Amino acid sequence: MYHSVPYEGLSQITNEEEGQWLSTREDGKGEFFNSNTNNPNRMNMREPVANTVPRNKEGILPYRLKVADLEGAASTQNPIPLNDEVLADGKRLFVQYCTPCHGSGGEGDGKAGMVIGGVANLKGGAYLNLSEGHIFHVITHGKGRMGAHGSQITADRRWEIVHYVKQEIQKQ
């Protein structure tokens, strides 16, 4: 019985000799070398779309705390230095990702927030005392009615949003 050699058919291998030891090709190229002439380096998979969330070389997002580790997240410090550029980026990202529910002032009065209800007012009550790590964790994994945004926003960008929330939204 014949068993095919398992390998990832949608690859980005650019080395012509890769898999040469099992090649049945007559052109001398390795079995795993890609043949698609329409893509750069003849890759079978296309390059990722611009502005998608990059993964690290292990293929996982680097923030390791799990959903239930909210208390542990409270002691996590923001690794992004605070400056005007970071605040401007944080504002842009807040408008893009957070305003639909939290509103432009962070008071939970965004158009989507008014429909679904129960959206946090980031300027009120206990929310003012939340640590940066707690806010980052909630953006990453979600909490209550808020969905997780860890797969849509890179860790650096989430930290920029946290800076904006703590320095601008909660200080107004």
C-alpha atoms as a PDB file:
ATOM      1  CA  MET A   1       0.000   0.000   0.000  1.00  0.00           C
ATOM      2  CA  TYR A   2       1.321   3.460  -0.916  1.00  0.00           C
ATOM      3  CA  HIS A   3       1.393   6.181   1.720  1.00  0.00           C
ATOM      4  CA  SER A   4       2.035   9.706   0.552  1.00  0.00           C
ATOM      5  CA  VAL A   5       4.615  11.758   2.377  1.00  0.00           C
ATOM      6  CA  PRO A   6       2.741  14.290   4.532  1.00  0.00           C
ATOM      7  CA  TYR A   7       3.722  17.900   4.087  1.00  0.00           C
ATOM      8  CA  GLU A   8       2.039  21.270   4.053  1.00  0.00           C
ATOM      9  CA  GLY A   9       0.695  21.843   0.579  1.00  0.00           C
ATOM     10  CA  LEU A  10       0.234  25.565   1.111  1.00  0.00           C
ATOM     11  CA  SER A  11       3.791  26.559   1.845  1.00  0.00           C
ATOM     12  CA  GLN A  12       6.147  29.465   1.490  1.00  0.00           C
ATOM     13  CA  ILE A  13       9.306  27.419   0.899  1.00  0.00           C
ATOM     14  CA  THR A  14      11.779  29.198  -1.356  1.00  0.00           C
ATOM     15  CA  ASN A  15      14.729  26.751  -1.202  1.00  0.00           C
ATOM     16  CA  GLU A  16      14.825  24.727  -4.433  1.00  0.00           C
ATOM     17  CA  GLU A  17      16.638  21.831  -2.717  1.00  0.00           C
ATOM     18  CA  GLU A  18      14.113  21.387   0.117  1.00  0.00           C
ATOM     19  CA  GLY A  19      12.844  17.789   0.077  1.00  0.00           C
ATOM     20  CA  GLN A  20      15.273  16.664  -2.613  1.00  0.00           C
ATOM     21  CA  TRP A  21      15.790  13.315  -0.853  1.00  0.00           C
ATOM     22  CA  LEU A  22      12.295  12.143  -1.805  1.00  0.00           C
ATOM     23  CA  SER A  23      11.822  13.990  -5.072  1.00  0.00           C
ATOM     24  CA  THR A  24      10.431  12.199  -8.109  1.00  0.00           C
ATOM     25  CA  ARG A  25      10.661  15.325 -10.217  1.00  0.00           C
ATOM     26  CA  GLU A  26      12.718  15.197 -13.367  1.00  0.00           C
ATOM     27  CA  ASP A  27      13.921  18.790 -13.054  1.00  0.00           C
ATOM     28  CA  GLY A  28      16.161  18.024 -10.040  1.00  0.00           C
ATOM     29  CA  LYS A  29      14.261  20.307  -7.684  1.00  0.00           C
ATOM     30  CA  GLY A  30      13.158  19.150  -4.251  1.00  0.00           C
ATOM     31  CA  GLU A  31       9.698  17.725  -3.629  1.00  0.00           C
ATOM     32  CA  PHE A  32       8.747  20.632  -1.388  1.00  0.00           C
ATOM     33  CA  PHE A  33       9.845  23.403  -3.768  1.00  0.00           C
ATOM     34  CA  ASN A  34       6.904  25.454  -4.890  1.00  0.00           C
ATOM     35  CA  SER A  35       5.720  25.566  -8.451  1.00  0.00           C
ATOM     36  CA  ASN A  36       3.327  28.507  -8.597  1.00  0.00           C
ATOM     37  CA  THR A  37       4.773  30.987 -11.077  1.00  0.00           C
ATOM     38  CA  ASN A  38       2.168  33.656 -10.191  1.00  0.00           C
ATOM     39  CA  ASN A  39       3.437  34.352  -6.664  1.00  0.00           C
ATOM     40  CA  PRO A  40       6.739  35.819  -5.443  1.00  0.00           C
ATOM     41  CA  ASN A  41       9.455  33.155  -5.060  1.00  0.00           C
ATOM     42  CA  ARG A  42       7.012  30.655  -6.607  1.00  0.00           C
ATOM     43  CA  MET A  43       5.276  30.233  -3.235  1.00  0.00           C
ATOM     44  CA  ASN A  44       2.042  28.254  -3.142  1.00  0.00           C
ATOM     45  CA  MET A  45       0.669  30.593  -0.468  1.00  0.00           C
ATOM     46  CA  ARG A  46       0.263  34.307  -1.003  1.00  0.00           C
ATOM     47  CA  GLU A  47       1.997  36.846   1.198  1.00  0.00           C
ATOM     48  CA  PRO A  48      -0.170  37.963   4.146  1.00  0.00           C
ATOM     49  CA  VAL A  49      -2.373  40.965   3.476  1.00  0.00           C
ATOM     50  CA  ALA A  50      -0.908  44.280   4.589  1.00  0.00           C
ATOM     51  CA  ASN A  51      -1.799  45.340   8.168  1.00  0.00           C
ATOM     52  CA  THR A  52      -2.797  41.853   9.313  1.00  0.00           C
ATOM     53  CA  VAL A  53      -1.772  40.798  12.816  1.00  0.00           C
ATOM     54  CA  PRO A  54       1.685  39.218  12.575  1.00  0.00           C
ATOM     55  CA  ARG A  55       2.452  36.086  14.568  1.00  0.00           C
ATOM     56  CA  ASN A  56       5.860  35.425  16.041  1.00  0.00           C
ATOM     57  CA  LYS A  57       8.025  32.605  14.697  1.00  0.00           C
ATOM     58  CA  GLU A  58       6.402  30.095  17.078  1.00  0.00           C
ATOM     59  CA  GLY A  59       3.031  30.865  15.491  1.00  0.00           C
ATOM     60  CA  ILE A  60       1.366  32.102  18.672  1.00  0.00           C
ATOM     61  CA  LEU A  61       0.596  35.500  20.093  1.00  0.00           C
ATOM     62  CA  PRO A  62       3.211  36.393  22.737  1.00  0.00           C
ATOM     63  CA  TYR A  63       0.816  37.436  25.542  1.00  0.00           C
ATOM     64  CA  ARG A  64       0.720  34.277  27.644  1.00  0.00           C
ATOM     65  CA  LEU A  65      -1.844  34.965  30.376  1.00  0.00           C
ATOM     66  CA  LYS A  66      -5.030  32.943  29.985  1.00  0.00           C
ATOM     67  CA  VAL A  67      -8.584  34.248  30.215  1.00  0.00           C
ATOM     68  CA  ALA A  68      -8.880  33.302  33.900  1.00  0.00           C
ATOM     69  CA  ASP A  69      -5.635  35.111  34.851  1.00  0.00           C
ATOM     70  CA  LEU A  70      -7.269  38.514  35.303  1.00  0.00           C
ATOM     71  CA  GLU A  71      -5.761  38.968  38.787  1.00  0.00           C
ATOM     72  CA  GLY A  72      -2.286  38.149  37.467  1.00  0.00           C
ATOM     73  CA  ALA A  73      -2.737  40.647  34.670  1.00  0.00           C
ATOM     74  CA  ALA A  74      -3.256  43.466  37.174  1.00  0.00           C
ATOM     75  CA  SER A  75       0.477  43.519  37.951  1.00  0.00           C
ATOM     76  CA  THR A  76       1.537  43.562  34.285  1.00  0.00           C
ATOM     77  CA  GLN A  77       3.265  46.818  33.388  1.00  0.00           C
ATOM     78  CA  ASN A  78       2.897  48.640  30.073  1.00  0.00           C
ATOM     79  CA  PRO A  79       6.151  48.044  28.127  1.00  0.00           C
ATOM     80  CA  ILE A  80       5.507  50.859  25.620  1.00  0.00           C
ATOM     81  CA  PRO A  81       7.119  54.171  26.630  1.00  0.00           C
ATOM     82  CA  LEU A  82       4.592  56.984  26.862  1.00  0.00           C
ATOM     83  CA  ASN A  83       5.015  59.856  24.386  1.00  0.00           C
ATOM     84  CA  ASP A  84       2.875  62.038  22.121  1.00  0.00           C
ATOM     85  CA  GLU A  85       3.192  59.686  19.143  1.00  0.00           C
ATOM     86  CA  VAL A  86       2.013  56.709  21.212  1.00  0.00           C
ATOM     87  CA  LEU A  87      -0.966  58.718  22.483  1.00  0.00           C
ATOM     88  CA  ALA A  88      -1.868  59.771  18.927  1.00  0.00           C
ATOM     89  CA  ASP A  89      -1.702  56.150  17.758  1.00  0.00           C
ATOM     90  CA  GLY A  90      -3.694  55.065  20.813  1.00  0.00           C
ATOM     91  CA  LYS A  91      -6.386  57.625  20.021  1.00  0.00           C
ATOM     92  CA  ARG A  92      -6.587  56.497  16.386  1.00  0.00           C
ATOM     93  CA  LEU A  93      -6.901  52.859  17.460  1.00  0.00           C
ATOM     94  CA  PHE A  94      -9.448  53.717  20.174  1.00  0.00           C
ATOM     95  CA  VAL A  95     -11.598  55.504  17.598  1.00  0.00           C
ATOM     96  CA  GLN A  96     -11.296  52.552  15.224  1.00  0.00           C
ATOM     97  CA  TYR A  97     -11.882  49.669  17.632  1.00  0.00           C
ATOM     98  CA  CYS A  98     -13.471  51.045  20.812  1.00  0.00           C
ATOM     99  CA  THR A  99     -15.680  53.995  19.874  1.00  0.00           C
ATOM    100  CA  PRO A 100     -18.504  51.904  18.362  1.00  0.00           C
ATOM    101  CA  CYS A 101     -19.298  50.523  21.814  1.00  0.00           C
ATOM    102  CA  HIS A 102     -17.601  52.829  24.355  1.00  0.00           C
ATOM    103  CA  GLY A 103     -18.263  56.092  22.491  1.00  0.00           C
ATOM    104  CA  SER A 104     -15.710  58.772  21.673  1.00  0.00           C
ATOM    105  CA  GLY A 105     -15.453  59.817  25.320  1.00  0.00           C
ATOM    106  CA  GLY A 106     -15.324  56.275  26.699  1.00  0.00           C
ATOM    107  CA  GLU A 107     -18.640  56.637  28.520  1.00  0.00           C
ATOM    108  CA  GLY A 108     -20.310  53.530  27.051  1.00  0.00           C
ATOM    109  CA  ASP A 109     -22.548  55.586  24.779  1.00  0.00           C
ATOM    110  CA  GLY A 110     -21.383  54.423  21.351  1.00  0.00           C
ATOM    111  CA  LYS A 111     -24.004  53.484  18.763  1.00  0.00           C
ATOM    112  CA  ALA A 112     -23.338  49.744  19.081  1.00  0.00           C
ATOM    113  CA  GLY A 113     -23.068  50.053  22.857  1.00  0.00           C
ATOM    114  CA  MET A 114     -26.511  51.609  23.090  1.00  0.00           C
ATOM    115  CA  VAL A 115     -27.992  48.665  21.179  1.00  0.00           C
ATOM    116  CA  ILE A 116     -26.343  45.853  23.141  1.00  0.00           C
ATOM    117  CA  GLY A 117     -26.318  47.608  26.521  1.00  0.00           C
ATOM    118  CA  GLY A 118     -24.073  46.907  29.491  1.00  0.00           C
ATOM    119  CA  VAL A 119     -20.998  48.590  27.987  1.00  0.00           C
ATOM    120  CA  ALA A 120     -18.465  49.881  30.508  1.00  0.00           C
ATOM    121  CA  ASN A 121     -18.194  53.602  31.194  1.00  0.00           C
ATOM    122  CA  LEU A 122     -14.405  53.909  31.305  1.00  0.00           C
ATOM    123  CA  LYS A 123     -14.669  57.221  33.194  1.00  0.00           C
ATOM    124  CA  GLY A 124     -16.792  56.005  36.050  1.00  0.00           C
ATOM    125  CA  GLY A 125     -16.546  54.176  39.340  1.00  0.00           C
ATOM    126  CA  ALA A 126     -14.203  51.237  39.675  1.00  0.00           C
ATOM    127  CA  TYR A 127     -13.005  51.556  36.072  1.00  0.00           C
ATOM    128  CA  LEU A 128     -10.858  54.546  37.032  1.00  0.00           C
ATOM    129  CA  ASN A 129      -8.805  52.353  39.383  1.00  0.00           C
ATOM    130  CA  LEU A 130      -8.139  49.509  36.953  1.00  0.00           C
ATOM    131  CA  SER A 131      -4.475  48.837  36.266  1.00  0.00           C
ATOM    132  CA  GLU A 132      -3.012  49.073  32.781  1.00  0.00           C
ATOM    133  CA  GLY A 133      -2.431  45.305  32.825  1.00  0.00           C
ATOM    134  CA  HIS A 134      -6.096  44.676  33.649  1.00  0.00           C
ATOM    135  CA  ILE A 135      -7.275  46.861  30.761  1.00  0.00           C
ATOM    136  CA  PHE A 136      -4.802  45.182  28.392  1.00  0.00           C
ATOM    137  CA  HIS A 137      -6.024  41.743  29.494  1.00  0.00           C
ATOM    138  CA  VAL A 138      -9.668  42.669  28.897  1.00  0.00           C
ATOM    139  CA  ILE A 139      -8.856  44.055  25.437  1.00  0.00           C
ATOM    140  CA  THR A 140      -6.967  40.828  24.671  1.00  0.00           C
ATOM    141  CA  HIS A 141      -9.416  38.226  26.021  1.00  0.00           C
ATOM    142  CA  GLY A 142     -12.659  40.154  26.479  1.00  0.00           C
ATOM    143  CA  LYS A 143     -14.847  40.206  29.586  1.00  0.00           C
ATOM    144  CA  GLY A 144     -18.587  40.178  30.070  1.00  0.00           C
ATOM    145  CA  ARG A 145     -20.208  41.543  26.912  1.00  0.00           C
ATOM    146  CA  MET A 146     -16.904  42.733  25.475  1.00  0.00           C
ATOM    147  CA  GLY A 147     -15.419  40.388  22.919  1.00  0.00           C
ATOM    148  CA  ALA A 148     -11.738  39.520  22.659  1.00  0.00           C
ATOM    149  CA  HIS A 149      -9.638  41.723  20.382  1.00  0.00           C
ATOM    150  CA  GLY A 150      -6.313  39.902  20.775  1.00  0.00           C
ATOM    151  CA  SER A 151      -6.516  38.385  17.314  1.00  0.00           C
ATOM    152  CA  GLN A 152      -7.332  41.706  15.623  1.00  0.00           C
ATOM    153  CA  ILE A 153      -4.913  44.088  17.332  1.00  0.00           C
ATOM    154  CA  THR A 154      -1.200  43.470  17.935  1.00  0.00           C
ATOM    155  CA  ALA A 155       0.074  43.571  21.513  1.00  0.00           C
ATOM    156  CA  ASP A 156       1.949  46.846  20.917  1.00  0.00           C
ATOM    157  CA  ARG A 157      -1.185  48.464  19.533  1.00  0.00           C
ATOM    158  CA  ARG A 158      -3.261  47.217  22.505  1.00  0.00           C
ATOM    159  CA  TRP A 159      -0.751  48.797  24.880  1.00  0.00           C
ATOM    160  CA  GLU A 160      -1.057  52.071  22.947  1.00  0.00           C
ATOM    161  CA  ILE A 161      -4.829  51.947  23.448  1.00  0.00           C
ATOM    162  CA  VAL A 162      -4.243  51.359  27.167  1.00  0.00           C
ATOM    163  CA  HIS A 163      -2.022  54.459  27.347  1.00  0.00           C
ATOM    164  CA  TYR A 164      -4.715  56.502  25.606  1.00  0.00           C
ATOM    165  CA  VAL A 165      -7.453  55.245  27.941  1.00  0.00           C
ATOM    166  CA  LYS A 166      -5.430  55.926  31.104  1.00  0.00           C
ATOM    167  CA  GLN A 167      -3.880  59.253  30.020  1.00  0.00           C
ATOM    168  CA  GLU A 168      -6.656  60.855  27.981  1.00  0.00           C
ATOM    169  CA  ILE A 169     -10.051  59.195  28.474  1.00  0.00           C
ATOM    170  CA  GLN A 170      -9.849  58.735  32.241  1.00  0.00           C
ATOM    171  CA  LYS A 171      -8.234  62.127  32.907  1.00  0.00           C
ATOM    172  CA  GLN A 172     -11.015  64.154  31.221  1.00  0.00           C
END
